[in-house]
Every structure is written in structure tokens, then in C-alpha cells.
Amino acid sequence: MGIVNIDDELHDQLRKASTVSCRSINAQAAFWIRMGLLCELNPTMSFNEIVAREMKAAGLGEPAVPLDQVESA
């Protein structure tokens, strides 16, 4: 495991996001890094398409409500 230096503002955002998503700060940072990498590697796919693909690859199957039909708050 390595150490990554980030600015205080980004760390604050990480801390807040990790609370909302019930992840540790490290897990939230890892999620953002992984999703950012997947988005860069798949520029024609939406975030929701990437999440659905990753969920399916993890063996979770299709969501009860397709992600593209979920209204954002």
C-alpha cells in the first residue's frame, strides 16, 4: 500500500463522501480512483453503464430497476 498526497479540500470532499456512502476514507478514494480509471478507459460508456457492467462482472446480476431509469435527486 502506498501513500498519496492530496490537497486539504479534496480530503474534505473525500471525508464527506465516505460518510454518505458508508465507506472508509481509503475505500472512498479507491472507489473514485477505480471509477475514474474505468471512465477514462471507456469514454463511450456512461457512469451508470460502467457500474452496471462491474456489478454484473461481480456476479450481482441485473438491478431490479435499470440504472438508466433511476431519477437523480
PDB file of N, CA and C in Angstrom:
ATOM      1  N   MET A   1       0.844  -1.169   0.000  1.00  0.00           N
ATOM      2  CA  MET A   1       0.000   0.000   0.000  1.00  0.00           C
ATOM      3  C   MET A   1       0.890   1.232   0.000  1.00  0.00           C
ATOM      4  N   GLY A   2       0.511   2.219  -0.773  1.00  0.00           N
ATOM      5  CA  GLY A   2       1.294   3.440  -0.841  1.00  0.00           C
ATOM      6  C   GLY A   2       0.542   4.612  -0.236  1.00  0.00           C
ATOM      7  N   ILE A   3       1.220   5.720  -0.179  1.00  0.00           N
ATOM      8  CA  ILE A   3       0.629   6.948   0.340  1.00  0.00           C
ATOM      9  C   ILE A   3       0.481   7.920  -0.819  1.00  0.00           C
ATOM     10  N   VAL A   4      -0.684   8.533  -0.915  1.00  0.00           N
ATOM     11  CA  VAL A   4      -0.953   9.527  -1.945  1.00  0.00           C
ATOM     12  C   VAL A   4      -1.234  10.843  -1.242  1.00  0.00           C
ATOM     13  N   ASN A   5      -0.532  11.875  -1.626  1.00  0.00           N
ATOM     14  CA  ASN A   5      -0.758  13.202  -1.048  1.00  0.00           C
ATOM     15  C   ASN A   5      -1.806  13.937  -1.871  1.00  0.00           C
ATOM     16  N   ILE A   6      -2.836  14.434  -1.189  1.00  0.00           N
ATOM     17  CA  ILE A   6      -3.882  15.215  -1.848  1.00  0.00           C
ATOM     18  C   ILE A   6      -4.083  16.505  -1.056  1.00  0.00           C
ATOM     19  N   ASP A   7      -4.666  17.500  -1.722  1.00  0.00           N
ATOM     20  CA  ASP A   7      -4.858  18.770  -1.021  1.00  0.00           C
ATOM     21  C   ASP A   7      -5.991  18.656   0.003  1.00  0.00           C
ATOM     22  N   ASP A   8      -6.027  19.595   0.914  1.00  0.00           N
ATOM     23  CA  ASP A   8      -6.981  19.562   2.026  1.00  0.00           C
ATOM     24  C   ASP A   8      -8.434  19.600   1.556  1.00  0.00           C
ATOM     25  N   GLU A   9      -8.722  20.374   0.511  1.00  0.00           N
ATOM     26  CA  GLU A   9     -10.095  20.478   0.014  1.00  0.00           C
ATOM     27  C   GLU A   9     -10.585  19.132  -0.520  1.00  0.00           C
ATOM     28  N   LEU A  10      -9.742  18.445  -1.284  1.00  0.00           N
ATOM     29  CA  LEU A  10     -10.125  17.130  -1.800  1.00  0.00           C
ATOM     30  C   LEU A  10     -10.289  16.134  -0.656  1.00  0.00           C
ATOM     31  N   HIS A  11      -9.434  16.219   0.345  1.00  0.00           N
ATOM     32  CA  HIS A  11      -9.558  15.330   1.505  1.00  0.00           C
ATOM     33  C   HIS A  11     -10.881  15.576   2.228  1.00  0.00           C
ATOM     34  N   ASP A  12     -11.282  16.830   2.340  1.00  0.00           N
ATOM     35  CA  ASP A  12     -12.568  17.167   2.953  1.00  0.00           C
ATOM     36  C   ASP A  12     -13.722  16.557   2.165  1.00  0.00           C
ATOM     37  N   GLN A  13     -13.653  16.664   0.834  1.00  0.00           N
ATOM     38  CA  GLN A  13     -14.689  16.079  -0.015  1.00  0.00           C
ATOM     39  C   GLN A  13     -14.720  14.559   0.142  1.00  0.00           C
ATOM     40  N   LEU A  14     -13.543  13.949   0.221  1.00  0.00           N
ATOM     41  CA  LEU A  14     -13.457  12.500   0.437  1.00  0.00           C
ATOM     42  C   LEU A  14     -14.113  12.106   1.750  1.00  0.00           C
ATOM     43  N   ARG A  15     -13.797  12.836   2.797  1.00  0.00           N
ATOM     44  CA  ARG A  15     -14.345  12.539   4.124  1.00  0.00           C
ATOM     45  C   ARG A  15     -15.868  12.629   4.104  1.00  0.00           C
ATOM     46  N   LYS A  16     -16.412  13.674   3.501  1.00  0.00           N
ATOM     47  CA  LYS A  16     -17.867  13.843   3.434  1.00  0.00           C
ATOM     48  C   LYS A  16     -18.516  12.752   2.588  1.00  0.00           C
ATOM     49  N   ALA A  17     -17.937  12.463   1.432  1.00  0.00           N
ATOM     50  CA  ALA A  17     -18.489  11.428   0.553  1.00  0.00           C
ATOM     51  C   ALA A  17     -18.426  10.055   1.202  1.00  0.00           C
ATOM     52  N   SER A  18     -17.353   9.786   1.942  1.00  0.00           N
ATOM     53  CA  SER A  18     -17.226   8.480   2.590  1.00  0.00           C
ATOM     54  C   SER A  18     -18.290   8.297   3.668  1.00  0.00           C
ATOM     55  N   THR A  19     -18.669   9.377   4.331  1.00  0.00           N
ATOM     56  CA  THR A  19     -19.728   9.306   5.340  1.00  0.00           C
ATOM     57  C   THR A  19     -21.064   8.974   4.688  1.00  0.00           C
ATOM     58  N   VAL A  20     -21.370   9.653   3.597  1.00  0.00           N
ATOM     59  CA  VAL A  20     -22.634   9.435   2.892  1.00  0.00           C
ATOM     60  C   VAL A  20     -22.713   8.015   2.336  1.00  0.00           C
ATOM     61  N   SER A  21     -21.618   7.518   1.794  1.00  0.00           N
ATOM     62  CA  SER A  21     -21.631   6.201   1.149  1.00  0.00           C
ATOM     63  C   SER A  21     -21.255   5.059   2.090  1.00  0.00           C
ATOM     64  N   CYS A  22     -21.076   5.365   3.371  1.00  0.00           N
ATOM     65  CA  CYS A  22     -20.728   4.341   4.380  1.00  0.00           C
ATOM     66  C   CYS A  22     -19.454   3.582   4.017  1.00  0.00           C
ATOM     67  N   ARG A  23     -18.463   4.308   3.520  1.00  0.00           N
ATOM     68  CA  ARG A  23     -17.158   3.731   3.216  1.00  0.00           C
ATOM     69  C   ARG A  23     -16.123   4.422   4.091  1.00  0.00           C
ATOM     70  N   SER A  24     -14.989   3.755   4.266  1.00  0.00           N
ATOM     71  CA  SER A  24     -13.870   4.435   4.909  1.00  0.00           C
ATOM     72  C   SER A  24     -13.339   5.479   3.929  1.00  0.00           C
ATOM     73  N   ILE A  25     -12.553   6.404   4.428  1.00  0.00           N
ATOM     74  CA  ILE A  25     -11.957   7.408   3.541  1.00  0.00           C
ATOM     75  C   ILE A  25     -11.094   6.721   2.486  1.00  0.00           C
ATOM     76  N   ASN A  26     -10.316   5.718   2.888  1.00  0.00           N
ATOM     77  CA  ASN A  26      -9.478   4.993   1.924  1.00  0.00           C
ATOM     78  C   ASN A  26     -10.320   4.257   0.892  1.00  0.00           C
ATOM     79  N   ALA A  27     -11.419   3.633   1.328  1.00  0.00           N
ATOM     80  CA  ALA A  27     -12.288   2.915   0.392  1.00  0.00           C
ATOM     81  C   ALA A  27     -12.951   3.885  -0.584  1.00  0.00           C
ATOM     82  N   GLN A  28     -13.326   5.073  -0.099  1.00  0.00           N
ATOM     83  CA  GLN A  28     -13.928   6.073  -0.985  1.00  0.00           C
ATOM     84  C   GLN A  28     -12.916   6.548  -2.017  1.00  0.00           C
ATOM     85  N   ALA A  29     -11.692   6.798  -1.583  1.00  0.00           N
ATOM     86  CA  ALA A  29     -10.646   7.220  -2.517  1.00  0.00           C
ATOM     87  C   ALA A  29     -10.393   6.125  -3.548  1.00  0.00           C
ATOM     88  N   ALA A  30     -10.335   4.875  -3.108  1.00  0.00           N
ATOM     89  CA  ALA A  30     -10.118   3.758  -4.035  1.00  0.00           C
ATOM     90  C   ALA A  30     -11.262   3.665  -5.036  1.00  0.00           C
ATOM     91  N   PHE A  31     -12.502   3.879  -4.575  1.00  0.00           N
ATOM     92  CA  PHE A  31     -13.659   3.847  -5.469  1.00  0.00           C
ATOM     93  C   PHE A  31     -13.553   4.940  -6.526  1.00  0.00           C
ATOM     94  N   TRP A  32     -13.260   6.162  -6.083  1.00  0.00           N
ATOM     95  CA  TRP A  32     -13.128   7.265  -7.033  1.00  0.00           C
ATOM     96  C   TRP A  32     -12.006   7.015  -8.032  1.00  0.00           C
ATOM     97  N   ILE A  33     -10.898   6.499  -7.566  1.00  0.00           N
ATOM     98  CA  ILE A  33      -9.771   6.225  -8.463  1.00  0.00           C
ATOM     99  C   ILE A  33     -10.153   5.153  -9.475  1.00  0.00           C
ATOM    100  N   ARG A  34     -10.746   4.056  -8.984  1.00  0.00           N
ATOM    101  CA  ARG A  34     -11.131   2.962  -9.881  1.00  0.00           C
ATOM    102  C   ARG A  34     -12.160   3.435 -10.904  1.00  0.00           C
ATOM    103  N   MET A  35     -13.192   4.146 -10.448  1.00  0.00           N
ATOM    104  CA  MET A  35     -14.224   4.607 -11.375  1.00  0.00           C
ATOM    105  C   MET A  35     -13.661   5.628 -12.360  1.00  0.00           C
ATOM    106  N   GLY A  36     -12.786   6.488 -11.902  1.00  0.00           N
ATOM    107  CA  GLY A  36     -12.152   7.445 -12.810  1.00  0.00           C
ATOM    108  C   GLY A  36     -11.345   6.739 -13.882  1.00  0.00           C
ATOM    109  N   LEU A  37     -10.599   5.716 -13.478  1.00  0.00           N
ATOM    110  CA  LEU A  37      -9.815   4.936 -14.432  1.00  0.00           C
ATOM    111  C   LEU A  37     -10.730   4.236 -15.431  1.00  0.00           C
ATOM    112  N   LEU A  38     -11.793   3.587 -14.933  1.00  0.00           N
ATOM    113  CA  LEU A  38     -12.719   2.892 -15.828  1.00  0.00           C
ATOM    114  C   LEU A  38     -13.402   3.864 -16.784  1.00  0.00           C
ATOM    115  N   CYS A  39     -13.751   5.056 -16.307  1.00  0.00           N
ATOM    116  CA  CYS A  39     -14.368   6.062 -17.180  1.00  0.00           C
ATOM    117  C   CYS A  39     -13.394   6.535 -18.254  1.00  0.00           C
ATOM    118  N   GLU A  40     -12.139   6.718 -17.892  1.00  0.00           N
ATOM    119  CA  GLU A  40     -11.141   7.131 -18.882  1.00  0.00           C
ATOM    120  C   GLU A  40     -10.884   6.030 -19.908  1.00  0.00           C
ATOM    121  N   LEU A  41     -10.900   4.775 -19.462  1.00  0.00           N
ATOM    122  CA  LEU A  41     -10.650   3.654 -20.370  1.00  0.00           C
ATOM    123  C   LEU A  41     -11.853   3.333 -21.249  1.00  0.00           C
ATOM    124  N   ASN A  42     -13.036   3.805 -20.859  1.00  0.00           N
ATOM    125  CA  ASN A  42     -14.273   3.527 -21.594  1.00  0.00           C
ATOM    126  C   ASN A  42     -15.033   4.827 -21.841  1.00  0.00           C
ATOM    127  N   PRO A  43     -14.475   5.730 -22.648  1.00  0.00           N
ATOM    128  CA  PRO A  43     -15.069   7.061 -22.797  1.00  0.00           C
ATOM    129  C   PRO A  43     -16.447   7.079 -23.455  1.00  0.00           C
ATOM    130  N   THR A  44     -16.831   6.004 -24.123  1.00  0.00           N
ATOM    131  CA  THR A  44     -18.144   5.985 -24.770  1.00  0.00           C
ATOM    132  C   THR A  44     -19.240   5.453 -23.854  1.00  0.00           C
ATOM    133  N   MET A  45     -18.859   4.952 -22.684  1.00  0.00           N
ATOM    134  CA  MET A  45     -19.844   4.417 -21.739  1.00  0.00           C
ATOM    135  C   MET A  45     -20.172   5.461 -20.678  1.00  0.00           C
ATOM    136  N   SER A  46     -21.440   5.462 -20.248  1.00  0.00           N
ATOM    137  CA  SER A  46     -21.828   6.353 -19.153  1.00  0.00           C
ATOM    138  C   SER A  46     -21.373   5.740 -17.831  1.00  0.00           C
ATOM    139  N   PHE A  47     -21.367   6.556 -16.801  1.00  0.00           N
ATOM    140  CA  PHE A  47     -21.027   6.068 -15.465  1.00  0.00           C
ATOM    141  C   PHE A  47     -21.953   4.912 -15.077  1.00  0.00           C
ATOM    142  N   ASN A  48     -23.262   5.082 -15.320  1.00  0.00           N
ATOM    143  CA  ASN A  48     -24.221   4.040 -14.958  1.00  0.00           C
ATOM    144  C   ASN A  48     -23.976   2.746 -15.728  1.00  0.00           C
ATOM    145  N   GLU A  49     -23.595   2.848 -16.990  1.00  0.00           N
ATOM    146  CA  GLU A  49     -23.281   1.644 -17.768  1.00  0.00           C
ATOM    147  C   GLU A  49     -22.064   0.931 -17.193  1.00  0.00           C
ATOM    148  N   ILE A  50     -21.074   1.696 -16.782  1.00  0.00           N
ATOM    149  CA  ILE A  50     -19.867   1.097 -16.193  1.00  0.00           C
ATOM    150  C   ILE A  50     -20.207   0.423 -14.870  1.00  0.00           C
ATOM    151  N   VAL A  51     -21.007   1.081 -14.036  1.00  0.00           N
ATOM    152  CA  VAL A  51     -21.405   0.483 -12.758  1.00  0.00           C
ATOM    153  C   VAL A  51     -22.180  -0.809 -13.006  1.00  0.00           C
ATOM    154  N   ALA A  52     -23.124  -0.794 -13.941  1.00  0.00           N
ATOM    155  CA  ALA A  52     -23.910  -1.995 -14.245  1.00  0.00           C
ATOM    156  C   ALA A  52     -23.011  -3.119 -14.735  1.00  0.00           C
ATOM    157  N   ARG A  53     -22.047  -2.791 -15.584  1.00  0.00           N
ATOM    158  CA  ARG A  53     -21.120  -3.807 -16.092  1.00  0.00           C
ATOM    159  C   ARG A  53     -20.289  -4.398 -14.961  1.00  0.00           C
ATOM    160  N   GLU A  54     -19.801  -3.547 -14.063  1.00  0.00           N
ATOM    161  CA  GLU A  54     -18.989  -4.022 -12.947  1.00  0.00           C
ATOM    162  C   GLU A  54     -19.811  -4.859 -11.969  1.00  0.00           C
ATOM    163  N   MET A  55     -21.068  -4.471 -11.734  1.00  0.00           N
ATOM    164  CA  MET A  55     -21.943  -5.254 -10.857  1.00  0.00           C
ATOM    165  C   MET A  55     -22.194  -6.633 -11.464  1.00  0.00           C
ATOM    166  N   LYS A  56     -22.450  -6.663 -12.760  1.00  0.00           N
ATOM    167  CA  LYS A  56     -22.680  -7.939 -13.448  1.00  0.00           C
ATOM    168  C   LYS A  56     -21.422  -8.799 -13.390  1.00  0.00           C
ATOM    169  N   ALA A  57     -20.262  -8.193 -13.609  1.00  0.00           N
ATOM    170  CA  ALA A  57     -18.995  -8.930 -13.562  1.00  0.00           C
ATOM    171  C   ALA A  57     -18.732  -9.490 -12.166  1.00  0.00           C
ATOM    172  N   ALA A  58     -19.251  -8.814 -11.143  1.00  0.00           N
ATOM    173  CA  ALA A  58     -19.081  -9.279  -9.763  1.00  0.00           C
ATOM    174  C   ALA A  58     -20.113 -10.344  -9.390  1.00  0.00           C
ATOM    175  N   GLY A  59     -20.996 -10.666 -10.339  1.00  0.00           N
ATOM    176  CA  GLY A  59     -21.991 -11.704 -10.099  1.00  0.00           C
ATOM    177  C   GLY A  59     -23.255 -11.220  -9.426  1.00  0.00           C
ATOM    178  N   LEU A  60     -23.495  -9.912  -9.451  1.00  0.00           N
ATOM    179  CA  LEU A  60     -24.683  -9.372  -8.804  1.00  0.00           C
ATOM    180  C   LEU A  60     -25.882  -9.308  -9.732  1.00  0.00           C
ATOM    181  N   GLY A  61     -25.693  -9.617 -11.005  1.00  0.00           N
ATOM    182  CA  GLY A  61     -26.802  -9.638 -11.941  1.00  0.00           C
ATOM    183  C   GLY A  61     -27.339  -8.263 -12.261  1.00  0.00           C
ATOM    184  N   GLU A  62     -28.515  -8.267 -12.839  1.00  0.00           N
ATOM    185  CA  GLU A  62     -29.149  -7.022 -13.253  1.00  0.00           C
ATOM    186  C   GLU A  62     -29.878  -6.387 -12.072  1.00  0.00           C
ATOM    187  N   PRO A  63     -29.833  -5.058 -11.964  1.00  0.00           N
ATOM    188  CA  PRO A  63     -30.575  -4.395 -10.891  1.00  0.00           C
ATOM    189  C   PRO A  63     -32.081  -4.508 -11.139  1.00  0.00           C
ATOM    190  N   ALA A  64     -32.882  -4.449 -10.074  1.00  0.00           N
ATOM    191  CA  ALA A  64     -34.336  -4.531 -10.196  1.00  0.00           C
ATOM    192  C   ALA A  64     -34.867  -3.392 -11.060  1.00  0.00           C
ATOM    193  N   VAL A  65     -34.303  -2.215 -10.887  1.00  0.00           N
ATOM    194  CA  VAL A  65     -34.652  -1.057 -11.707  1.00  0.00           C
ATOM    195  C   VAL A  65     -33.405  -0.698 -12.495  1.00  0.00           C
ATOM    196  N   PRO A  66     -33.470  -0.744 -13.842  1.00  0.00           N
ATOM    197  CA  PRO A  66     -32.282  -0.390 -14.626  1.00  0.00           C
ATOM    198  C   PRO A  66     -31.741   0.976 -14.224  1.00  0.00           C
ATOM    199  N   LEU A  67     -30.426   1.067 -14.108  1.00  0.00           N
ATOM    200  CA  LEU A  67     -29.800   2.299 -13.630  1.00  0.00           C
ATOM    201  C   LEU A  67     -30.117   3.501 -14.504  1.00  0.00           C
ATOM    202  N   ASP A  68     -30.371   3.276 -15.796  1.00  0.00           N
ATOM    203  CA  ASP A  68     -30.668   4.414 -16.667  1.00  0.00           C
ATOM    204  C   ASP A  68     -32.099   4.929 -16.471  1.00  0.00           C
ATOM    205  N   GLN A  69     -32.900   4.222 -15.663  1.00  0.00           N
ATOM    206  CA  GLN A  69     -34.267   4.663 -15.394  1.00  0.00           C
ATOM    207  C   GLN A  69     -34.432   5.242 -13.995  1.00  0.00           C
ATOM    208  N   VAL A  70     -33.356   5.281 -13.230  1.00  0.00           N
ATOM    209  CA  VAL A  70     -33.409   5.827 -11.879  1.00  0.00           C
ATOM    210  C   VAL A  70     -33.271   7.337 -11.964  1.00  0.00           C
ATOM    211  N   GLU A  71     -34.217   8.052 -11.342  1.00  0.00           N
ATOM    212  CA  GLU A  71     -34.157   9.513 -11.341  1.00  0.00           C
ATOM    213  C   GLU A  71     -33.145   9.979 -10.316  1.00  0.00           C
ATOM    214  N   SER A  72     -32.356  10.973 -10.688  1.00  0.00           N
ATOM    215  CA  SER A  72     -31.413  11.542  -9.724  1.00  0.00           C
ATOM    216  C   SER A  72     -32.147  12.546  -8.856  1.00  0.00           C
ATOM    217  N   ALA A  73     -31.663  12.682  -7.623  1.00  0.00           N
ATOM    218  CA  ALA A  73     -32.321  13.587  -6.662  1.00  0.00           C
ATOM    219  C   ALA A  73     -32.015  15.022  -6.954  1.00  0.00           C
TER     220      ALA A  73
END
